[in-house]
Amino acid sequence: MDIDTIILESEESMDKAVEYLKGELKGIRTGRASTALVEYVKVDYYGSMTDLRQLAMITVPEPTQLLIKPFDASSVQACAKAIQNAGLGLNPQVDGKQIRLNLPALSGERRQQLIGTVKQMGETTKVQLRNARRDANKHLDKIGKDKSLHIPEDDITGSKDDIQETLKKHEKTVTELVDAKSKEIQEI
């Protein structure tokens, strides 16, 4: 494994961690209805766990309401049950062949809980970023000690600096994402 590959792999690992955080933050409820809130709810559909977005059309008819129309009318109850059990604090109302979700206003206490959750997600992501840096640095140290490769110490040090800069850039992105989501949650 050469230096460029190590740097590239660490950057890809950091990118994946940030993308995962973005996806998780989309599922955090704010004061407004968003299809992202329920898109990834897992529904037991004929024995396999399937994302709700693959089983139904999800729309936002009003700012505080979601309307879910399953493609297969026989799956309405399964979808409603999955939403109920997803831990989102939502109470689905089955209306014939569709499901209505009315989103109540968030209390101040619930907003603070959500902000805490968002910050925790951000910290977890930063730990993943630092782990990617640590792994890359270990690989660099390993190839630096291998005398048969004839890699100058300055190249190893420079590569570690590049990885550190990449880490700082990704940590800044995580902080910006967390701050933006926290601000969005606080809006009434």
N, C-alpha and C. Protein backbone atom coordinates (compact mmCIF):
# COMPACT_ATOMS: atom_id res chain seq x y z
N MET A 1 0.85 -1.18 0.00
CA MET A 1 0.00 0.00 0.00
C MET A 1 0.90 1.24 0.00
N ASP A 2 0.66 2.16 -0.93
CA ASP A 2 1.50 3.34 -1.00
C ASP A 2 0.85 4.52 -0.26
N ILE A 3 1.60 5.60 -0.13
CA ILE A 3 1.15 6.77 0.63
C ILE A 3 -0.14 7.35 0.05
N ASP A 4 -0.21 7.49 -1.27
CA ASP A 4 -1.40 8.08 -1.89
C ASP A 4 -2.65 7.26 -1.60
N THR A 5 -2.52 5.95 -1.63
CA THR A 5 -3.66 5.06 -1.34
C THR A 5 -4.12 5.23 0.10
N ILE A 6 -3.17 5.34 1.02
CA ILE A 6 -3.52 5.52 2.44
C ILE A 6 -4.28 6.83 2.63
N ILE A 7 -3.78 7.89 2.02
CA ILE A 7 -4.45 9.20 2.14
C ILE A 7 -5.84 9.13 1.52
N LEU A 8 -5.94 8.53 0.35
CA LEU A 8 -7.23 8.43 -0.34
C LEU A 8 -8.24 7.63 0.48
N GLU A 9 -7.79 6.51 1.04
CA GLU A 9 -8.70 5.68 1.84
C GLU A 9 -9.17 6.40 3.09
N SER A 10 -8.27 7.16 3.73
CA SER A 10 -8.68 7.89 4.93
C SER A 10 -9.69 8.97 4.58
N GLU A 11 -9.49 9.63 3.44
CA GLU A 11 -10.42 10.67 3.01
C GLU A 11 -11.79 10.06 2.66
N GLU A 12 -11.79 8.91 1.99
CA GLU A 12 -13.05 8.24 1.66
C GLU A 12 -13.79 7.83 2.93
N SER A 13 -13.05 7.33 3.90
CA SER A 13 -13.66 6.93 5.17
C SER A 13 -14.28 8.13 5.87
N MET A 14 -13.59 9.26 5.85
CA MET A 14 -14.12 10.48 6.46
C MET A 14 -15.35 10.98 5.71
N ASP A 15 -15.30 10.92 4.37
CA ASP A 15 -16.46 11.33 3.56
C ASP A 15 -17.69 10.49 3.89
N LYS A 16 -17.48 9.18 4.02
CA LYS A 16 -18.60 8.28 4.34
C LYS A 16 -19.21 8.62 5.69
N ALA A 17 -18.37 8.93 6.67
CA ALA A 17 -18.87 9.27 8.01
C ALA A 17 -19.72 10.54 7.95
N VAL A 18 -19.27 11.54 7.19
CA VAL A 18 -20.03 12.79 7.07
C VAL A 18 -21.34 12.55 6.32
N GLU A 19 -21.31 11.75 5.27
CA GLU A 19 -22.54 11.45 4.51
C GLU A 19 -23.54 10.70 5.37
N TYR A 20 -23.04 9.79 6.19
CA TYR A 20 -23.93 9.05 7.09
C TYR A 20 -24.60 10.02 8.07
N LEU A 21 -23.82 10.96 8.61
CA LEU A 21 -24.38 11.95 9.53
C LEU A 21 -25.47 12.77 8.84
N LYS A 22 -25.22 13.18 7.60
CA LYS A 22 -26.23 13.95 6.86
C LYS A 22 -27.54 13.17 6.75
N GLY A 23 -27.44 11.89 6.45
CA GLY A 23 -28.63 11.05 6.34
C GLY A 23 -29.36 10.93 7.67
N GLU A 24 -28.59 10.76 8.74
CA GLU A 24 -29.20 10.65 10.07
C GLU A 24 -29.88 11.95 10.48
N LEU A 25 -29.25 13.08 10.16
CA LEU A 25 -29.83 14.37 10.54
C LEU A 25 -31.13 14.65 9.80
N LYS A 26 -31.25 14.13 8.58
CA LYS A 26 -32.50 14.32 7.83
C LYS A 26 -33.68 13.68 8.56
N GLY A 27 -33.41 12.61 9.28
CA GLY A 27 -34.47 11.89 9.99
C GLY A 27 -34.85 12.51 11.33
N ILE A 28 -34.13 13.53 11.76
CA ILE A 28 -34.45 14.19 13.03
C ILE A 28 -35.56 15.20 12.78
N ARG A 29 -36.57 15.11 13.59
CA ARG A 29 -37.76 15.93 13.41
C ARG A 29 -37.53 17.38 13.82
N THR A 30 -38.01 18.28 13.01
CA THR A 30 -38.01 19.70 13.35
C THR A 30 -39.47 20.12 13.45
N GLY A 31 -39.73 21.40 13.49
CA GLY A 31 -41.11 21.87 13.61
C GLY A 31 -41.94 21.66 12.36
N ARG A 32 -41.29 21.44 11.23
CA ARG A 32 -42.01 21.28 9.96
C ARG A 32 -42.02 19.83 9.52
N ALA A 33 -43.05 19.49 8.76
CA ALA A 33 -43.15 18.13 8.22
C ALA A 33 -42.12 17.95 7.10
N SER A 34 -41.51 16.79 7.07
CA SER A 34 -40.54 16.46 6.03
C SER A 34 -40.65 14.97 5.73
N THR A 35 -40.62 14.63 4.46
CA THR A 35 -40.73 13.21 4.09
C THR A 35 -39.56 12.41 4.65
N ALA A 36 -38.41 13.07 4.84
CA ALA A 36 -37.22 12.38 5.36
C ALA A 36 -37.45 11.81 6.76
N LEU A 37 -38.45 12.34 7.44
CA LEU A 37 -38.76 11.88 8.79
C LEU A 37 -39.14 10.41 8.82
N VAL A 38 -39.84 9.93 7.80
CA VAL A 38 -40.33 8.55 7.81
C VAL A 38 -39.82 7.69 6.64
N GLU A 39 -39.06 8.27 5.72
CA GLU A 39 -38.61 7.53 4.54
C GLU A 39 -37.91 6.22 4.87
N TYR A 40 -37.12 6.23 5.93
CA TYR A 40 -36.30 5.06 6.23
C TYR A 40 -36.86 4.21 7.38
N VAL A 41 -38.12 4.44 7.72
CA VAL A 41 -38.76 3.58 8.71
C VAL A 41 -38.86 2.18 8.10
N LYS A 42 -38.44 1.18 8.84
CA LYS A 42 -38.46 -0.20 8.35
C LYS A 42 -39.82 -0.83 8.58
N VAL A 43 -40.39 -1.36 7.50
CA VAL A 43 -41.71 -2.00 7.54
C VAL A 43 -41.54 -3.48 7.25
N ASP A 44 -42.19 -4.32 8.05
CA ASP A 44 -42.17 -5.76 7.82
C ASP A 44 -43.15 -6.05 6.67
N TYR A 45 -42.61 -6.21 5.47
CA TYR A 45 -43.43 -6.40 4.28
C TYR A 45 -43.18 -7.80 3.75
N TYR A 46 -44.13 -8.68 3.98
CA TYR A 46 -44.03 -10.09 3.58
C TYR A 46 -42.72 -10.72 4.06
N GLY A 47 -42.40 -10.45 5.33
CA GLY A 47 -41.25 -11.11 5.94
C GLY A 47 -39.91 -10.44 5.75
N SER A 48 -39.84 -9.37 4.95
CA SER A 48 -38.56 -8.68 4.82
C SER A 48 -38.72 -7.22 5.26
N MET A 49 -37.69 -6.71 5.92
CA MET A 49 -37.73 -5.33 6.40
C MET A 49 -37.39 -4.40 5.24
N THR A 50 -38.35 -3.54 4.90
CA THR A 50 -38.24 -2.67 3.74
C THR A 50 -38.45 -1.22 4.15
N ASP A 51 -37.70 -0.30 3.53
CA ASP A 51 -37.90 1.12 3.81
C ASP A 51 -39.29 1.55 3.37
N LEU A 52 -39.91 2.41 4.16
CA LEU A 52 -41.26 2.89 3.86
C LEU A 52 -41.30 3.58 2.49
N ARG A 53 -40.24 4.29 2.14
CA ARG A 53 -40.23 5.01 0.87
C ARG A 53 -40.33 4.08 -0.34
N GLN A 54 -39.98 2.79 -0.16
CA GLN A 54 -40.09 1.83 -1.25
C GLN A 54 -41.48 1.22 -1.33
N LEU A 55 -42.27 1.41 -0.28
CA LEU A 55 -43.60 0.81 -0.22
C LEU A 55 -44.73 1.81 -0.42
N ALA A 56 -44.41 3.10 -0.33
CA ALA A 56 -45.48 4.09 -0.34
C ALA A 56 -45.02 5.42 -0.91
N MET A 57 -46.00 6.20 -1.35
CA MET A 57 -45.74 7.57 -1.76
C MET A 57 -45.93 8.44 -0.52
N ILE A 58 -44.93 9.25 -0.20
CA ILE A 58 -44.98 10.09 0.99
C ILE A 58 -45.03 11.55 0.53
N THR A 59 -46.06 12.28 0.96
CA THR A 59 -46.21 13.68 0.56
C THR A 59 -46.43 14.56 1.79
N VAL A 60 -46.27 15.87 1.59
CA VAL A 60 -46.49 16.86 2.64
C VAL A 60 -47.63 17.78 2.18
N PRO A 61 -48.90 17.42 2.48
CA PRO A 61 -50.02 18.24 2.04
C PRO A 61 -50.13 19.56 2.81
N GLU A 62 -49.66 19.57 4.06
CA GLU A 62 -49.69 20.77 4.90
C GLU A 62 -48.37 20.84 5.66
N PRO A 63 -47.99 22.02 6.16
CA PRO A 63 -46.71 22.15 6.86
C PRO A 63 -46.54 21.24 8.08
N THR A 64 -47.66 20.82 8.68
CA THR A 64 -47.55 19.97 9.87
C THR A 64 -48.16 18.59 9.66
N GLN A 65 -48.25 18.16 8.40
CA GLN A 65 -48.88 16.87 8.14
C GLN A 65 -48.14 16.11 7.03
N LEU A 66 -48.06 14.79 7.22
CA LEU A 66 -47.53 13.90 6.20
C LEU A 66 -48.66 12.98 5.76
N LEU A 67 -48.69 12.68 4.47
CA LEU A 67 -49.68 11.76 3.93
C LEU A 67 -48.92 10.61 3.27
N ILE A 68 -49.24 9.40 3.69
CA ILE A 68 -48.54 8.21 3.20
C ILE A 68 -49.56 7.33 2.49
N LYS A 69 -49.30 7.08 1.21
CA LYS A 69 -50.19 6.24 0.40
C LYS A 69 -49.43 4.99 -0.04
N PRO A 70 -49.61 3.87 0.67
CA PRO A 70 -48.92 2.63 0.27
C PRO A 70 -49.36 2.19 -1.13
N PHE A 71 -48.41 1.70 -1.91
CA PHE A 71 -48.72 1.21 -3.26
C PHE A 71 -49.59 -0.04 -3.19
N ASP A 72 -49.38 -0.84 -2.15
CA ASP A 72 -50.16 -2.05 -1.92
C ASP A 72 -51.09 -1.78 -0.75
N ALA A 73 -52.39 -1.68 -1.03
CA ALA A 73 -53.37 -1.32 0.01
C ALA A 73 -53.37 -2.29 1.18
N SER A 74 -52.93 -3.52 0.96
CA SER A 74 -52.92 -4.50 2.05
C SER A 74 -51.80 -4.22 3.07
N SER A 75 -50.89 -3.32 2.73
CA SER A 75 -49.78 -3.04 3.64
C SER A 75 -50.02 -1.81 4.52
N VAL A 76 -51.21 -1.22 4.44
CA VAL A 76 -51.50 0.00 5.21
C VAL A 76 -51.28 -0.22 6.70
N GLN A 77 -51.83 -1.30 7.24
CA GLN A 77 -51.70 -1.56 8.69
C GLN A 77 -50.24 -1.82 9.08
N ALA A 78 -49.51 -2.54 8.25
CA ALA A 78 -48.10 -2.81 8.55
C ALA A 78 -47.29 -1.51 8.57
N CYS A 79 -47.59 -0.62 7.63
CA CYS A 79 -46.90 0.68 7.58
C CYS A 79 -47.22 1.51 8.82
N ALA A 80 -48.50 1.55 9.18
CA ALA A 80 -48.92 2.32 10.35
C ALA A 80 -48.25 1.79 11.62
N LYS A 81 -48.20 0.47 11.74
CA LYS A 81 -47.58 -0.15 12.92
C LYS A 81 -46.08 0.18 12.98
N ALA A 82 -45.42 0.14 11.83
CA ALA A 82 -43.98 0.43 11.79
C ALA A 82 -43.71 1.88 12.20
N ILE A 83 -44.55 2.81 11.74
CA ILE A 83 -44.38 4.22 12.11
C ILE A 83 -44.60 4.39 13.61
N GLN A 84 -45.63 3.73 14.11
CA GLN A 84 -45.96 3.81 15.55
C GLN A 84 -44.78 3.32 16.39
N ASN A 85 -44.13 2.25 15.94
CA ASN A 85 -43.05 1.63 16.72
C ASN A 85 -41.66 2.20 16.42
N ALA A 86 -41.58 3.21 15.55
CA ALA A 86 -40.28 3.74 15.13
C ALA A 86 -39.65 4.68 16.15
N GLY A 87 -40.38 5.03 17.20
CA GLY A 87 -39.83 5.91 18.23
C GLY A 87 -39.76 7.36 17.81
N LEU A 88 -40.63 7.76 16.89
CA LEU A 88 -40.64 9.14 16.42
C LEU A 88 -41.63 10.01 17.20
N GLY A 89 -42.41 9.38 18.05
CA GLY A 89 -43.41 10.12 18.81
C GLY A 89 -44.59 10.54 17.95
N LEU A 90 -44.86 9.78 16.90
CA LEU A 90 -45.96 10.10 15.99
C LEU A 90 -47.07 9.06 16.12
N ASN A 91 -48.30 9.53 15.93
CA ASN A 91 -49.45 8.65 16.03
C ASN A 91 -50.13 8.58 14.66
N PRO A 92 -49.86 7.52 13.88
CA PRO A 92 -50.45 7.42 12.54
C PRO A 92 -51.96 7.18 12.60
N GLN A 93 -52.68 7.85 11.71
CA GLN A 93 -54.13 7.68 11.62
C GLN A 93 -54.45 7.07 10.27
N VAL A 94 -54.97 5.84 10.30
CA VAL A 94 -55.31 5.15 9.06
C VAL A 94 -56.62 5.73 8.55
N ASP A 95 -56.59 6.15 7.29
CA ASP A 95 -57.75 6.79 6.66
C ASP A 95 -58.02 6.04 5.35
N GLY A 96 -58.67 4.89 5.44
CA GLY A 96 -58.92 4.08 4.25
C GLY A 96 -57.64 3.43 3.77
N LYS A 97 -57.20 3.83 2.57
CA LYS A 97 -55.99 3.24 1.97
C LYS A 97 -54.76 4.13 2.16
N GLN A 98 -54.87 5.10 3.06
CA GLN A 98 -53.74 5.99 3.29
C GLN A 98 -53.56 6.24 4.79
N ILE A 99 -52.42 6.81 5.13
CA ILE A 99 -52.09 7.09 6.53
C ILE A 99 -51.78 8.58 6.66
N ARG A 100 -52.39 9.20 7.64
CA ARG A 100 -52.11 10.61 7.93
C ARG A 100 -51.28 10.70 9.20
N LEU A 101 -50.26 11.55 9.14
CA LEU A 101 -49.44 11.81 10.32
C LEU A 101 -49.51 13.30 10.61
N ASN A 102 -50.14 13.66 11.72
CA ASN A 102 -50.17 15.05 12.14
C ASN A 102 -49.01 15.26 13.11
N LEU A 103 -48.17 16.22 12.79
CA LEU A 103 -47.00 16.48 13.61
C LEU A 103 -47.32 17.55 14.64
N PRO A 104 -47.36 17.18 15.91
CA PRO A 104 -47.63 18.19 16.93
C PRO A 104 -46.43 19.13 17.07
N ALA A 105 -46.70 20.32 17.57
CA ALA A 105 -45.61 21.27 17.79
C ALA A 105 -44.65 20.69 18.83
N LEU A 106 -43.37 20.95 18.66
CA LEU A 106 -42.38 20.44 19.60
C LEU A 106 -42.38 21.30 20.86
N SER A 107 -42.35 20.65 22.01
CA SER A 107 -42.24 21.40 23.27
C SER A 107 -40.79 21.86 23.42
N GLY A 108 -40.59 22.83 24.29
CA GLY A 108 -39.23 23.33 24.53
C GLY A 108 -38.32 22.23 25.04
N GLU A 109 -38.87 21.36 25.90
CA GLU A 109 -38.08 20.26 26.45
C GLU A 109 -37.69 19.27 25.35
N ARG A 110 -38.64 18.96 24.48
CA ARG A 110 -38.37 18.02 23.38
C ARG A 110 -37.34 18.62 22.42
N ARG A 111 -37.43 19.92 22.18
CA ARG A 111 -36.43 20.58 21.31
C ARG A 111 -35.03 20.41 21.89
N GLN A 112 -34.90 20.62 23.21
CA GLN A 112 -33.60 20.48 23.85
C GLN A 112 -33.09 19.04 23.77
N GLN A 113 -34.00 18.07 23.92
CA GLN A 113 -33.61 16.66 23.78
C GLN A 113 -33.08 16.39 22.37
N LEU A 114 -33.79 16.91 21.37
CA LEU A 114 -33.37 16.70 19.98
C LEU A 114 -32.02 17.35 19.70
N ILE A 115 -31.82 18.55 20.24
CA ILE A 115 -30.54 19.24 20.05
C ILE A 115 -29.42 18.42 20.69
N GLY A 116 -29.69 17.86 21.87
CA GLY A 116 -28.71 16.99 22.53
C GLY A 116 -28.39 15.77 21.68
N THR A 117 -29.42 15.19 21.09
CA THR A 117 -29.23 14.03 20.21
C THR A 117 -28.38 14.40 19.00
N VAL A 118 -28.67 15.55 18.41
CA VAL A 118 -27.92 16.02 17.24
C VAL A 118 -26.45 16.23 17.60
N LYS A 119 -26.21 16.86 18.74
CA LYS A 119 -24.82 17.10 19.17
C LYS A 119 -24.10 15.77 19.42
N GLN A 120 -24.81 14.81 20.00
CA GLN A 120 -24.21 13.50 20.25
C GLN A 120 -23.85 12.82 18.93
N MET A 121 -24.74 12.93 17.94
CA MET A 121 -24.45 12.37 16.61
C MET A 121 -23.20 13.02 16.02
N GLY A 122 -23.09 14.33 16.20
CA GLY A 122 -21.92 15.05 15.70
C GLY A 122 -20.64 14.57 16.36
N GLU A 123 -20.69 14.38 17.67
CA GLU A 123 -19.50 13.90 18.39
C GLU A 123 -19.12 12.49 17.96
N THR A 124 -20.12 11.65 17.77
CA THR A 124 -19.86 10.28 17.32
C THR A 124 -19.18 10.29 15.95
N THR A 125 -19.66 11.17 15.08
CA THR A 125 -19.06 11.29 13.74
C THR A 125 -17.62 11.78 13.84
N LYS A 126 -17.37 12.74 14.73
CA LYS A 126 -16.00 13.24 14.89
C LYS A 126 -15.07 12.13 15.39
N VAL A 127 -15.58 11.26 16.25
CA VAL A 127 -14.78 10.12 16.72
C VAL A 127 -14.44 9.21 15.54
N GLN A 128 -15.43 8.98 14.66
CA GLN A 128 -15.17 8.16 13.47
C GLN A 128 -14.10 8.80 12.58
N LEU A 129 -14.16 10.13 12.46
CA LEU A 129 -13.16 10.84 11.66
C LEU A 129 -11.77 10.66 12.26
N ARG A 130 -11.69 10.81 13.57
CA ARG A 130 -10.39 10.67 14.24
C ARG A 130 -9.87 9.24 14.15
N ASN A 131 -10.78 8.28 14.19
CA ASN A 131 -10.35 6.88 14.02
C ASN A 131 -9.78 6.65 12.63
N ALA A 132 -10.38 7.28 11.63
CA ALA A 132 -9.86 7.15 10.26
C ALA A 132 -8.45 7.75 10.18
N ARG A 133 -8.26 8.89 10.86
CA ARG A 133 -6.92 9.50 10.88
C ARG A 133 -5.93 8.57 11.59
N ARG A 134 -6.34 8.02 12.73
CA ARG A 134 -5.46 7.13 13.49
C ARG A 134 -5.04 5.93 12.64
N ASP A 135 -6.02 5.32 11.96
CA ASP A 135 -5.71 4.16 11.13
C ASP A 135 -4.74 4.52 10.01
N ALA A 136 -4.97 5.68 9.38
CA ALA A 136 -4.08 6.11 8.30
C ALA A 136 -2.67 6.36 8.84
N ASN A 137 -2.58 7.00 10.01
CA ASN A 137 -1.27 7.27 10.60
C ASN A 137 -0.54 5.97 10.95
N LYS A 138 -1.29 4.97 11.41
CA LYS A 138 -0.67 3.66 11.71
C LYS A 138 -0.08 3.05 10.44
N HIS A 139 -0.85 3.12 9.36
CA HIS A 139 -0.35 2.58 8.08
C HIS A 139 0.89 3.34 7.62
N LEU A 140 0.86 4.65 7.78
CA LEU A 140 2.02 5.46 7.38
C LEU A 140 3.25 5.10 8.22
N ASP A 141 3.05 4.94 9.53
CA ASP A 141 4.18 4.55 10.40
C ASP A 141 4.73 3.19 9.99
N LYS A 142 3.82 2.29 9.64
CA LYS A 142 4.23 0.93 9.26
C LYS A 142 5.09 0.96 7.99
N ILE A 143 4.64 1.70 6.99
CA ILE A 143 5.45 1.73 5.76
C ILE A 143 6.69 2.59 5.94
N GLY A 144 6.65 3.54 6.89
CA GLY A 144 7.83 4.35 7.18
C GLY A 144 8.94 3.53 7.82
N LYS A 145 8.56 2.53 8.60
CA LYS A 145 9.53 1.66 9.27
C LYS A 145 10.09 0.59 8.35
N ASP A 146 9.40 0.34 7.25
CA ASP A 146 9.84 -0.68 6.29
C ASP A 146 10.97 -0.09 5.45
N LYS A 147 12.18 -0.43 5.80
CA LYS A 147 13.37 0.14 5.14
C LYS A 147 13.48 -0.27 3.67
N SER A 148 12.85 -1.37 3.29
CA SER A 148 12.96 -1.84 1.91
C SER A 148 12.20 -0.92 0.94
N LEU A 149 11.28 -0.11 1.47
CA LEU A 149 10.50 0.79 0.60
C LEU A 149 11.22 2.10 0.32
N HIS A 150 12.22 2.44 1.13
CA HIS A 150 13.03 3.66 0.95
C HIS A 150 12.15 4.91 0.88
N ILE A 151 11.24 5.07 1.83
CA ILE A 151 10.38 6.27 1.85
C ILE A 151 10.97 7.25 2.84
N PRO A 152 11.28 8.48 2.38
CA PRO A 152 11.87 9.48 3.28
C PRO A 152 10.90 9.85 4.41
N GLU A 153 11.47 10.13 5.58
CA GLU A 153 10.67 10.50 6.76
C GLU A 153 9.84 11.77 6.48
N ASP A 154 10.38 12.67 5.66
CA ASP A 154 9.65 13.91 5.33
C ASP A 154 8.36 13.61 4.58
N ASP A 155 8.37 12.59 3.74
CA ASP A 155 7.15 12.21 3.00
C ASP A 155 6.08 11.70 3.97
N ILE A 156 6.51 10.90 4.94
CA ILE A 156 5.57 10.37 5.94
C ILE A 156 4.99 11.53 6.75
N THR A 157 5.84 12.42 7.22
CA THR A 157 5.39 13.57 8.02
C THR A 157 4.46 14.46 7.20
N GLY A 158 4.81 14.71 5.95
CA GLY A 158 3.95 15.53 5.08
C GLY A 158 2.60 14.89 4.85
N SER A 159 2.60 13.59 4.71
CA SER A 159 1.34 12.86 4.50
C SER A 159 0.47 12.93 5.75
N LYS A 160 1.10 12.81 6.92
CA LYS A 160 0.35 12.93 8.17
C LYS A 160 -0.27 14.32 8.29
N ASP A 161 0.49 15.33 7.86
CA ASP A 161 -0.04 16.70 7.89
C ASP A 161 -1.24 16.83 6.95
N ASP A 162 -1.15 16.21 5.77
CA ASP A 162 -2.27 16.24 4.82
C ASP A 162 -3.52 15.59 5.43
N ILE A 163 -3.32 14.47 6.09
CA ILE A 163 -4.44 13.76 6.71
C ILE A 163 -5.04 14.62 7.83
N GLN A 164 -4.18 15.31 8.59
CA GLN A 164 -4.66 16.18 9.66
C GLN A 164 -5.50 17.32 9.08
N GLU A 165 -5.06 17.89 7.97
CA GLU A 165 -5.83 18.97 7.32
C GLU A 165 -7.18 18.46 6.84
N THR A 166 -7.19 17.25 6.28
CA THR A 166 -8.45 16.64 5.84
C THR A 166 -9.37 16.44 7.03
N LEU A 167 -8.81 15.99 8.15
CA LEU A 167 -9.61 15.81 9.37
C LEU A 167 -10.22 17.13 9.81
N LYS A 168 -9.42 18.18 9.84
CA LYS A 168 -9.92 19.50 10.27
C LYS A 168 -11.07 19.96 9.37
N LYS A 169 -10.91 19.76 8.07
CA LYS A 169 -11.95 20.16 7.11
C LYS A 169 -13.25 19.40 7.38
N HIS A 170 -13.14 18.10 7.59
CA HIS A 170 -14.33 17.28 7.84
C HIS A 170 -14.96 17.61 9.20
N GLU A 171 -14.14 17.86 10.21
CA GLU A 171 -14.68 18.24 11.52
C GLU A 171 -15.44 19.56 11.43
N LYS A 172 -14.91 20.48 10.63
CA LYS A 172 -15.59 21.77 10.44
C LYS A 172 -16.95 21.55 9.77
N THR A 173 -16.99 20.67 8.78
CA THR A 173 -18.25 20.34 8.11
C THR A 173 -19.26 19.76 9.10
N VAL A 174 -18.80 18.85 9.95
CA VAL A 174 -19.68 18.23 10.95
C VAL A 174 -20.23 19.30 11.89
N THR A 175 -19.36 20.19 12.36
CA THR A 175 -19.80 21.26 13.26
C THR A 175 -20.85 22.14 12.58
N GLU A 176 -20.63 22.47 11.31
CA GLU A 176 -21.60 23.29 10.57
C GLU A 176 -22.93 22.57 10.41
N LEU A 177 -22.90 21.28 10.11
CA LEU A 177 -24.13 20.50 9.97
C LEU A 177 -24.91 20.45 11.29
N VAL A 178 -24.20 20.20 12.38
CA VAL A 178 -24.83 20.12 13.70
C VAL A 178 -25.42 21.47 14.09
N ASP A 179 -24.67 22.55 13.86
CA ASP A 179 -25.17 23.89 14.20
C ASP A 179 -26.40 24.24 13.39
N ALA A 180 -26.38 23.92 12.09
CA ALA A 180 -27.52 24.23 11.23
C ALA A 180 -28.76 23.45 11.67
N LYS A 181 -28.59 22.17 11.99
CA LYS A 181 -29.73 21.35 12.42
C LYS A 181 -30.25 21.83 13.77
N SER A 182 -29.35 22.20 14.67
CA SER A 182 -29.77 22.71 15.98
C SER A 182 -30.58 23.99 15.83
N LYS A 183 -30.12 24.86 14.94
CA LYS A 183 -30.84 26.11 14.68
C LYS A 183 -32.22 25.82 14.09
N GLU A 184 -32.27 24.86 13.18
CA GLU A 184 -33.54 24.47 12.55
C GLU A 184 -34.52 23.93 13.59
N ILE A 185 -34.02 23.16 14.54
CA ILE A 185 -34.88 22.59 15.59
C ILE A 185 -35.42 23.70 16.49
N GLN A 186 -34.61 24.73 16.75
CA GLN A 186 -35.03 25.81 17.65
C GLN A 186 -36.07 26.74 17.02
N GLU A 187 -36.13 26.76 15.69
CA GLU A 187 -37.11 27.63 15.03
C GLU A 187 -38.52 27.16 15.34
N ILE A 188 -39.38 28.12 15.61
CA ILE A 188 -40.78 27.77 15.93
C ILE A 188 -41.66 28.07 14.74
